[in-house]
């Protein structure tokens, strides 16, 4: 999600996808709901996002532990990582 972490100069090109992310045009609260809050709105936005794959890859590579990234919740990303190893 744009603005979550400040990239260093080497990451500038690697994070270029963030400018095309639909989440950058919507309320960030939807992508970081309170514990037990609904993730439905964020996941719905992700389904139509052109950079969903890049977002998910970023979250997995950087061990993002909070929020919806690439259409997946924290729990879903953990399961995906476990299956991949």
PDB file of N, CA and C in Angstrom:
ATOM      1  N   UNK A   1       0.845  -1.164   0.000  1.00  0.00           N
ATOM      2  CA  UNK A   1       0.000   0.000   0.000  1.00  0.00           C
ATOM      3  C   UNK A   1       0.892   1.229   0.000  1.00  0.00           C
ATOM      4  N   UNK A   2       0.673   2.151  -0.869  1.00  0.00           N
ATOM      5  CA  UNK A   2       1.511   3.334  -0.939  1.00  0.00           C
ATOM      6  C   UNK A   2       1.568   4.085   0.384  1.00  0.00           C
ATOM      7  N   UNK A   3       2.751   4.519   0.732  1.00  0.00           N
ATOM      8  CA  UNK A   3       2.935   5.315   1.927  1.00  0.00           C
ATOM      9  C   UNK A   3       3.124   4.531   3.204  1.00  0.00           C
ATOM     10  N   UNK A   4       3.016   3.216   3.161  1.00  0.00           N
ATOM     11  CA  UNK A   4       3.152   2.431   4.377  1.00  0.00           C
ATOM     12  C   UNK A   4       4.606   2.420   4.833  1.00  0.00           C
ATOM     13  N   UNK A   5       5.499   2.152   3.910  1.00  0.00           N
ATOM     14  CA  UNK A   5       6.926   2.189   4.212  1.00  0.00           C
ATOM     15  C   UNK A   5       7.599   3.147   3.265  1.00  0.00           C
ATOM     16  N   UNK A   6       8.602   3.832   3.755  1.00  0.00           N
ATOM     17  CA  UNK A   6       9.338   4.736   2.881  1.00  0.00           C
ATOM     18  C   UNK A   6      10.413   3.944   2.149  1.00  0.00           C
ATOM     19  N   UNK A   7      10.322   3.899   0.822  1.00  0.00           N
ATOM     20  CA  UNK A   7      11.324   3.151   0.068  1.00  0.00           C
ATOM     21  C   UNK A   7      12.645   3.901   0.032  1.00  0.00           C
ATOM     22  N   UNK A   8      13.733   3.154  -0.090  1.00  0.00           N
ATOM     23  CA  UNK A   8      15.015   3.820  -0.283  1.00  0.00           C
ATOM     24  C   UNK A   8      15.216   4.003  -1.772  1.00  0.00           C
ATOM     25  N   UNK A   9      16.280   4.669  -2.172  1.00  0.00           N
ATOM     26  CA  UNK A   9      16.502   4.994  -3.578  1.00  0.00           C
ATOM     27  C   UNK A   9      16.547   3.747  -4.459  1.00  0.00           C
ATOM     28  N   UNK A  10      17.082   2.647  -3.959  1.00  0.00           N
ATOM     29  CA  UNK A  10      17.161   1.419  -4.741  1.00  0.00           C
ATOM     30  C   UNK A  10      15.791   0.821  -5.021  1.00  0.00           C
ATOM     31  N   UNK A  11      14.833   1.095  -4.164  1.00  0.00           N
ATOM     32  CA  UNK A  11      13.502   0.518  -4.301  1.00  0.00           C
ATOM     33  C   UNK A  11      12.586   1.322  -5.223  1.00  0.00           C
ATOM     34  N   UNK A  12      13.008   2.506  -5.654  1.00  0.00           N
ATOM     35  CA  UNK A  12      12.122   3.375  -6.429  1.00  0.00           C
ATOM     36  C   UNK A  12      11.480   2.658  -7.608  1.00  0.00           C
ATOM     37  N   UNK A  13      12.254   1.994  -8.441  1.00  0.00           N
ATOM     38  CA  UNK A  13      11.685   1.298  -9.590  1.00  0.00           C
ATOM     39  C   UNK A  13      10.898   0.070  -9.163  1.00  0.00           C
ATOM     40  N   UNK A  14      11.353  -0.615  -8.152  1.00  0.00           N
ATOM     41  CA  UNK A  14      10.673  -1.816  -7.673  1.00  0.00           C
ATOM     42  C   UNK A  14       9.284  -1.499  -7.128  1.00  0.00           C
ATOM     43  N   UNK A  15       9.083  -0.288  -6.656  1.00  0.00           N
ATOM     44  CA  UNK A  15       7.802   0.096  -6.063  1.00  0.00           C
ATOM     45  C   UNK A  15       6.955   0.961  -6.985  1.00  0.00           C
ATOM     46  N   UNK A  16       7.359   1.083  -8.242  1.00  0.00           N
ATOM     47  CA  UNK A  16       6.618   1.916  -9.191  1.00  0.00           C
ATOM     48  C   UNK A  16       5.171   1.454  -9.345  1.00  0.00           C
ATOM     49  N   UNK A  17       4.925   0.167  -9.147  1.00  0.00           N
ATOM     50  CA  UNK A  17       3.575  -0.373  -9.257  1.00  0.00           C
ATOM     51  C   UNK A  17       2.599   0.312  -8.308  1.00  0.00           C
ATOM     52  N   UNK A  18       3.102   0.839  -7.203  1.00  0.00           N
ATOM     53  CA  UNK A  18       2.220   1.439  -6.199  1.00  0.00           C
ATOM     54  C   UNK A  18       1.425   2.624  -6.740  1.00  0.00           C
ATOM     55  N   UNK A  19       1.973   3.335  -7.703  1.00  0.00           N
ATOM     56  CA  UNK A  19       1.244   4.489  -8.250  1.00  0.00           C
ATOM     57  C   UNK A  19       0.015   4.043  -9.041  1.00  0.00           C
ATOM     58  N   UNK A  20      -0.019   2.789  -9.489  1.00  0.00           N
ATOM     59  CA  UNK A  20      -1.170   2.263 -10.218  1.00  0.00           C
ATOM     60  C   UNK A  20      -2.135   1.492  -9.326  1.00  0.00           C
ATOM     61  N   UNK A  21      -1.822   1.350  -8.069  1.00  0.00           N
ATOM     62  CA  UNK A  21      -2.651   0.573  -7.154  1.00  0.00           C
ATOM     63  C   UNK A  21      -3.961   1.302  -6.845  1.00  0.00           C
ATOM     64  N   UNK A  22      -5.054   0.578  -6.936  1.00  0.00           N
ATOM     65  CA  UNK A  22      -6.364   1.167  -6.640  1.00  0.00           C
ATOM     66  C   UNK A  22      -6.481   1.606  -5.187  1.00  0.00           C
ATOM     67  N   UNK A  23      -5.757   0.936  -4.302  1.00  0.00           N
ATOM     68  CA  UNK A  23      -5.835   1.298  -2.878  1.00  0.00           C
ATOM     69  C   UNK A  23      -5.306   2.707  -2.635  1.00  0.00           C
ATOM     70  N   UNK A  24      -4.438   3.185  -3.523  1.00  0.00           N
ATOM     71  CA  UNK A  24      -3.899   4.535  -3.337  1.00  0.00           C
ATOM     72  C   UNK A  24      -4.948   5.597  -3.635  1.00  0.00           C
ATOM     73  N   UNK A  25      -6.067   5.174  -4.221  1.00  0.00           N
ATOM     74  CA  UNK A  25      -7.142   6.099  -4.569  1.00  0.00           C
ATOM     75  C   UNK A  25      -8.355   5.941  -3.655  1.00  0.00           C
ATOM     76  N   UNK A  26      -8.219   5.120  -2.617  1.00  0.00           N
ATOM     77  CA  UNK A  26      -9.338   4.850  -1.723  1.00  0.00           C
ATOM     78  C   UNK A  26      -8.919   5.054  -0.269  1.00  0.00           C
ATOM     79  N   UNK A  27      -9.867   4.894   0.610  1.00  0.00           N
ATOM     80  CA  UNK A  27      -9.634   5.074   2.040  1.00  0.00           C
ATOM     81  C   UNK A  27      -8.746   3.964   2.592  1.00  0.00           C
ATOM     82  N   UNK A  28      -7.572   4.297   3.124  1.00  0.00           N
ATOM     83  CA  UNK A  28      -6.675   3.271   3.648  1.00  0.00           C
ATOM     84  C   UNK A  28      -7.255   2.491   4.822  1.00  0.00           C
ATOM     85  N   UNK A  29      -8.227   3.053   5.493  1.00  0.00           N
ATOM     86  CA  UNK A  29      -8.858   2.356   6.620  1.00  0.00           C
ATOM     87  C   UNK A  29      -9.446   1.016   6.178  1.00  0.00           C
ATOM     88  N   UNK A  30      -9.908   0.938   4.945  1.00  0.00           N
ATOM     89  CA  UNK A  30     -10.499  -0.309   4.451  1.00  0.00           C
ATOM     90  C   UNK A  30      -9.456  -1.417   4.376  1.00  0.00           C
ATOM     91  N   UNK A  31      -8.205  -1.060   4.153  1.00  0.00           N
ATOM     92  CA  UNK A  31      -7.150  -2.050   3.986  1.00  0.00           C
ATOM     93  C   UNK A  31      -6.458  -2.410   5.294  1.00  0.00           C
ATOM     94  N   UNK A  32      -6.736  -1.658   6.326  1.00  0.00           N
ATOM     95  CA  UNK A  32      -6.181  -1.925   7.653  1.00  0.00           C
ATOM     96  C   UNK A  32      -7.300  -1.849   8.686  1.00  0.00           C
ATOM     97  N   UNK A  33      -8.251  -2.788   8.618  1.00  0.00           N
ATOM     98  CA  UNK A  33      -9.398  -2.740   9.531  1.00  0.00           C
ATOM     99  C   UNK A  33      -8.991  -3.094  10.965  1.00  0.00           C
ATOM    100  N   UNK A  34      -9.805  -2.648  11.892  1.00  0.00           N
ATOM    101  CA  UNK A  34      -9.621  -3.017  13.290  1.00  0.00           C
ATOM    102  C   UNK A  34      -9.732  -4.534  13.407  1.00  0.00           C
ATOM    103  N   UNK A  35      -9.159  -5.101  14.449  1.00  0.00           N
ATOM    104  CA  UNK A  35      -9.250  -6.551  14.656  1.00  0.00           C
ATOM    105  C   UNK A  35     -10.720  -6.961  14.662  1.00  0.00           C
ATOM    106  N   UNK A  36     -11.028  -7.944  13.842  1.00  0.00           N
ATOM    107  CA  UNK A  36     -12.401  -8.410  13.731  1.00  0.00           C
ATOM    108  C   UNK A  36     -13.238  -7.621  12.737  1.00  0.00           C
ATOM    109  N   UNK A  37     -12.672  -6.545  12.183  1.00  0.00           N
ATOM    110  CA  UNK A  37     -13.398  -5.720  11.214  1.00  0.00           C
ATOM    111  C   UNK A  37     -13.475  -6.402   9.859  1.00  0.00           C
ATOM    112  N   UNK A  38     -14.360  -5.928   9.041  1.00  0.00           N
ATOM    113  CA  UNK A  38     -14.579  -6.518   7.727  1.00  0.00           C
ATOM    114  C   UNK A  38     -13.464  -6.168   6.748  1.00  0.00           C
ATOM    115  N   UNK A  39     -13.074  -7.152   5.966  1.00  0.00           N
ATOM    116  CA  UNK A  39     -12.082  -6.958   4.912  1.00  0.00           C
ATOM    117  C   UNK A  39     -12.742  -6.991   3.535  1.00  0.00           C
ATOM    118  N   UNK A  40     -14.047  -7.119   3.519  1.00  0.00           N
ATOM    119  CA  UNK A  40     -14.795  -7.292   2.273  1.00  0.00           C
ATOM    120  C   UNK A  40     -14.556  -6.159   1.282  1.00  0.00           C
ATOM    121  N   UNK A  41     -14.645  -4.907   1.717  1.00  0.00           N
ATOM    122  CA  UNK A  41     -14.478  -3.771   0.804  1.00  0.00           C
ATOM    123  C   UNK A  41     -13.092  -3.753   0.180  1.00  0.00           C
ATOM    124  N   UNK A  42     -12.077  -3.975   0.990  1.00  0.00           N
ATOM    125  CA  UNK A  42     -10.704  -3.964   0.485  1.00  0.00           C
ATOM    126  C   UNK A  42     -10.499  -5.090  -0.521  1.00  0.00           C
ATOM    127  N   UNK A  43     -10.964  -6.255  -0.209  1.00  0.00           N
ATOM    128  CA  UNK A  43     -10.796  -7.398  -1.109  1.00  0.00           C
ATOM    129  C   UNK A  43     -11.546  -7.186  -2.421  1.00  0.00           C
ATOM    130  N   UNK A  44     -12.686  -6.542  -2.360  1.00  0.00           N
ATOM    131  CA  UNK A  44     -13.453  -6.245  -3.577  1.00  0.00           C
ATOM    132  C   UNK A  44     -12.670  -5.277  -4.469  1.00  0.00           C
ATOM    133  N   UNK A  45     -12.047  -4.284  -3.870  1.00  0.00           N
ATOM    134  CA  UNK A  45     -11.224  -3.339  -4.633  1.00  0.00           C
ATOM    135  C   UNK A  45     -10.048  -4.073  -5.263  1.00  0.00           C
ATOM    136  N   UNK A  46      -9.425  -4.950  -4.516  1.00  0.00           N
ATOM    137  CA  UNK A  46      -8.265  -5.700  -5.017  1.00  0.00           C
ATOM    138  C   UNK A  46      -8.596  -6.567  -6.227  1.00  0.00           C
ATOM    139  N   UNK A  47      -9.814  -7.087  -6.295  1.00  0.00           N
ATOM    140  CA  UNK A  47     -10.150  -7.990  -7.398  1.00  0.00           C
ATOM    141  C   UNK A  47     -10.054  -7.310  -8.752  1.00  0.00           C
ATOM    142  N   UNK A  48     -10.195  -5.997  -8.805  1.00  0.00           N
ATOM    143  CA  UNK A  48     -10.134  -5.288 -10.081  1.00  0.00           C
ATOM    144  C   UNK A  48      -8.842  -4.498 -10.265  1.00  0.00           C
ATOM    145  N   UNK A  49      -7.915  -4.642  -9.348  1.00  0.00           N
ATOM    146  CA  UNK A  49      -6.669  -3.872  -9.393  1.00  0.00           C
ATOM    147  C   UNK A  49      -5.668  -4.519 -10.362  1.00  0.00           C
ATOM    148  N   UNK A  50      -5.098  -3.703 -11.223  1.00  0.00           N
ATOM    149  CA  UNK A  50      -4.140  -4.186 -12.226  1.00  0.00           C
ATOM    150  C   UNK A  50      -2.812  -4.638 -11.632  1.00  0.00           C
ATOM    151  N   UNK A  51      -2.490  -4.186 -10.434  1.00  0.00           N
ATOM    152  CA  UNK A  51      -1.183  -4.516  -9.843  1.00  0.00           C
ATOM    153  C   UNK A  51      -1.324  -5.431  -8.623  1.00  0.00           C
ATOM    154  N   UNK A  52      -2.387  -6.171  -8.587  1.00  0.00           N
ATOM    155  CA  UNK A  52      -2.653  -7.075  -7.461  1.00  0.00           C
ATOM    156  C   UNK A  52      -1.507  -8.058  -7.242  1.00  0.00           C
ATOM    157  N   UNK A  53      -0.993  -8.623  -8.312  1.00  0.00           N
ATOM    158  CA  UNK A  53       0.107  -9.587  -8.210  1.00  0.00           C
ATOM    159  C   UNK A  53       1.363  -8.976  -7.637  1.00  0.00           C
ATOM    160  N   UNK A  54       1.710  -7.787  -8.115  1.00  0.00           N
ATOM    161  CA  UNK A  54       2.891  -7.097  -7.609  1.00  0.00           C
ATOM    162  C   UNK A  54       2.740  -6.756  -6.134  1.00  0.00           C
ATOM    163  N   UNK A  55       1.523  -6.369  -5.761  1.00  0.00           N
ATOM    164  CA  UNK A  55       1.223  -6.029  -4.372  1.00  0.00           C
ATOM    165  C   UNK A  55       1.403  -7.248  -3.466  1.00  0.00           C
ATOM    166  N   UNK A  56       0.834  -8.362  -3.872  1.00  0.00           N
ATOM    167  CA  UNK A  56       0.951  -9.586  -3.081  1.00  0.00           C
ATOM    168  C   UNK A  56       2.402 -10.025  -2.992  1.00  0.00           C
ATOM    169  N   UNK A  57       3.114  -9.967  -4.096  1.00  0.00           N
ATOM    170  CA  UNK A  57       4.531 -10.344  -4.097  1.00  0.00           C
ATOM    171  C   UNK A  57       5.332  -9.462  -3.136  1.00  0.00           C
ATOM    172  N   UNK A  58       5.041  -8.165  -3.152  1.00  0.00           N
ATOM    173  CA  UNK A  58       5.716  -7.245  -2.239  1.00  0.00           C
ATOM    174  C   UNK A  58       5.441  -7.626  -0.785  1.00  0.00           C
ATOM    175  N   UNK A  59       4.180  -7.889  -0.478  1.00  0.00           N
ATOM    176  CA  UNK A  59       3.796  -8.229   0.899  1.00  0.00           C
ATOM    177  C   UNK A  59       4.477  -9.509   1.359  1.00  0.00           C
ATOM    178  N   UNK A  60       4.539 -10.500   0.498  1.00  0.00           N
ATOM    179  CA  UNK A  60       5.171 -11.765   0.861  1.00  0.00           C
ATOM    180  C   UNK A  60       6.681 -11.607   1.021  1.00  0.00           C
ATOM    181  N   UNK A  61       7.296 -10.871   0.122  1.00  0.00           N
ATOM    182  CA  UNK A  61       8.751 -10.671   0.181  1.00  0.00           C
ATOM    183  C   UNK A  61       9.188  -9.813   1.360  1.00  0.00           C
ATOM    184  N   UNK A  62       8.298  -8.930   1.817  1.00  0.00           N
ATOM    185  CA  UNK A  62       8.640  -8.015   2.900  1.00  0.00           C
ATOM    186  C   UNK A  62       7.969  -8.376   4.219  1.00  0.00           C
ATOM    187  N   UNK A  63       7.373  -9.556   4.268  1.00  0.00           N
ATOM    188  CA  UNK A  63       6.743 -10.064   5.484  1.00  0.00           C
ATOM    189  C   UNK A  63       5.779  -9.058   6.115  1.00  0.00           C
ATOM    190  N   UNK A  64       4.933  -8.466   5.256  1.00  0.00           N
ATOM    191  CA  UNK A  64       3.916  -7.537   5.767  1.00  0.00           C
ATOM    192  C   UNK A  64       2.952  -8.318   6.644  1.00  0.00           C
ATOM    193  N   UNK A  65       2.787  -7.887   7.862  1.00  0.00           N
ATOM    194  CA  UNK A  65       1.972  -8.644   8.810  1.00  0.00           C
ATOM    195  C   UNK A  65       0.600  -8.052   9.049  1.00  0.00           C
ATOM    196  N   UNK A  66       0.359  -6.866   8.545  1.00  0.00           N
ATOM    197  CA  UNK A  66      -0.924  -6.207   8.790  1.00  0.00           C
ATOM    198  C   UNK A  66      -1.553  -5.764   7.481  1.00  0.00           C
ATOM    199  N   UNK A  67      -2.863  -5.767   7.447  1.00  0.00           N
ATOM    200  CA  UNK A  67      -3.585  -5.220   6.313  1.00  0.00           C
ATOM    201  C   UNK A  67      -3.854  -6.208   5.199  1.00  0.00           C
ATOM    202  N   UNK A  68      -4.595  -5.710   4.215  1.00  0.00           N
ATOM    203  CA  UNK A  68      -4.919  -6.474   3.023  1.00  0.00           C
ATOM    204  C   UNK A  68      -3.916  -6.082   1.952  1.00  0.00           C
ATOM    205  N   UNK A  69      -3.233  -7.053   1.424  1.00  0.00           N
ATOM    206  CA  UNK A  69      -2.233  -6.850   0.360  1.00  0.00           C
ATOM    207  C   UNK A  69      -2.515  -7.863  -0.735  1.00  0.00           C
ATOM    208  N   UNK A  70      -2.640  -7.408  -1.961  1.00  0.00           N
ATOM    209  CA  UNK A  70      -2.876  -8.327  -3.064  1.00  0.00           C
ATOM    210  C   UNK A  70      -4.162  -9.115  -2.907  1.00  0.00           C
ATOM    211  N   UNK A  71      -5.094  -8.578  -2.179  1.00  0.00           N
ATOM    212  CA  UNK A  71      -6.383  -9.238  -1.985  1.00  0.00           C
ATOM    213  C   UNK A  71      -6.418 -10.272  -0.882  1.00  0.00           C
ATOM    214  N   UNK A  72      -5.324 -10.415  -0.146  1.00  0.00           N
ATOM    215  CA  UNK A  72      -5.279 -11.418   0.916  1.00  0.00           C
ATOM    216  C   UNK A  72      -5.068 -10.780   2.285  1.00  0.00           C
ATOM    217  N   UNK A  73      -5.679 -11.384   3.289  1.00  0.00           N
ATOM    218  CA  UNK A  73      -5.505 -10.938   4.668  1.00  0.00           C
ATOM    219  C   UNK A  73      -4.197 -11.491   5.226  1.00  0.00           C
ATOM    220  N   UNK A  74      -3.866 -11.076   6.424  1.00  0.00           N
ATOM    221  CA  UNK A  74      -2.653 -11.573   7.080  1.00  0.00           C
ATOM    222  C   UNK A  74      -2.681 -13.092   7.173  1.00  0.00           C
ATOM    223  N   UNK A  75      -3.798 -13.629   7.625  1.00  0.00           N
ATOM    224  CA  UNK A  75      -3.941 -15.070   7.790  1.00  0.00           C
ATOM    225  C   UNK A  75      -3.813 -15.795   6.454  1.00  0.00           C
ATOM    226  N   UNK A  76      -4.436 -15.258   5.425  1.00  0.00           N
ATOM    227  CA  UNK A  76      -4.362 -15.885   4.103  1.00  0.00           C
ATOM    228  C   UNK A  76      -2.945 -15.860   3.542  1.00  0.00           C
ATOM    229  N   UNK A  77      -2.213 -14.777   3.790  1.00  0.00           N
ATOM    230  CA  UNK A  77      -0.817 -14.712   3.330  1.00  0.00           C
ATOM    231  C   UNK A  77       0.054 -15.710   4.077  1.00  0.00           C
ATOM    232  N   UNK A  78      -0.178 -15.876   5.384  1.00  0.00           N
ATOM    233  CA  UNK A  78       0.586 -16.867   6.150  1.00  0.00           C
ATOM    234  C   UNK A  78       0.350 -18.271   5.602  1.00  0.00           C
ATOM    235  N   UNK A  79      -0.907 -18.611   5.326  1.00  0.00           N
ATOM    236  CA  UNK A  79      -1.228 -19.928   4.766  1.00  0.00           C
ATOM    237  C   UNK A  79      -0.538 -20.115   3.419  1.00  0.00           C
ATOM    238  N   UNK A  80      -0.565 -19.101   2.581  1.00  0.00           N
ATOM    239  CA  UNK A  80       0.049 -19.165   1.268  1.00  0.00           C
ATOM    240  C   UNK A  80       1.558 -19.392   1.390  1.00  0.00           C
ATOM    241  N   UNK A  81       2.174 -18.705   2.329  1.00  0.00           N
ATOM    242  CA  UNK A  81       3.619 -18.855   2.549  1.00  0.00           C
ATOM    243  C   UNK A  81       3.946 -20.259   3.036  1.00  0.00           C
ATOM    244  N   UNK A  82       3.143 -20.780   3.940  1.00  0.00           N
ATOM    245  CA  UNK A  82       3.381 -22.130   4.457  1.00  0.00           C
ATOM    246  C   UNK A  82       3.283 -23.172   3.349  1.00  0.00           C
ATOM    247  N   UNK A  83       2.304 -23.015   2.471  1.00  0.00           N
ATOM    248  CA  UNK A  83       2.123 -23.958   1.373  1.00  0.00           C
ATOM    249  C   UNK A  83       3.287 -23.881   0.381  1.00  0.00           C
ATOM    250  N   UNK A  84       3.893 -22.713   0.255  1.00  0.00           N
ATOM    251  CA  UNK A  84       4.969 -22.517  -0.719  1.00  0.00           C
ATOM    252  C   UNK A  84       6.291 -23.093  -0.229  1.00  0.00           C
ATOM    253  N   UNK A  85       6.419 -23.310   1.071  1.00  0.00           N
ATOM    254  CA  UNK A  85       7.698 -23.822   1.597  1.00  0.00           C
ATOM    255  C   UNK A  85       7.647 -25.294   1.853  1.00  0.00           C
TER     256      UNK A  85
END
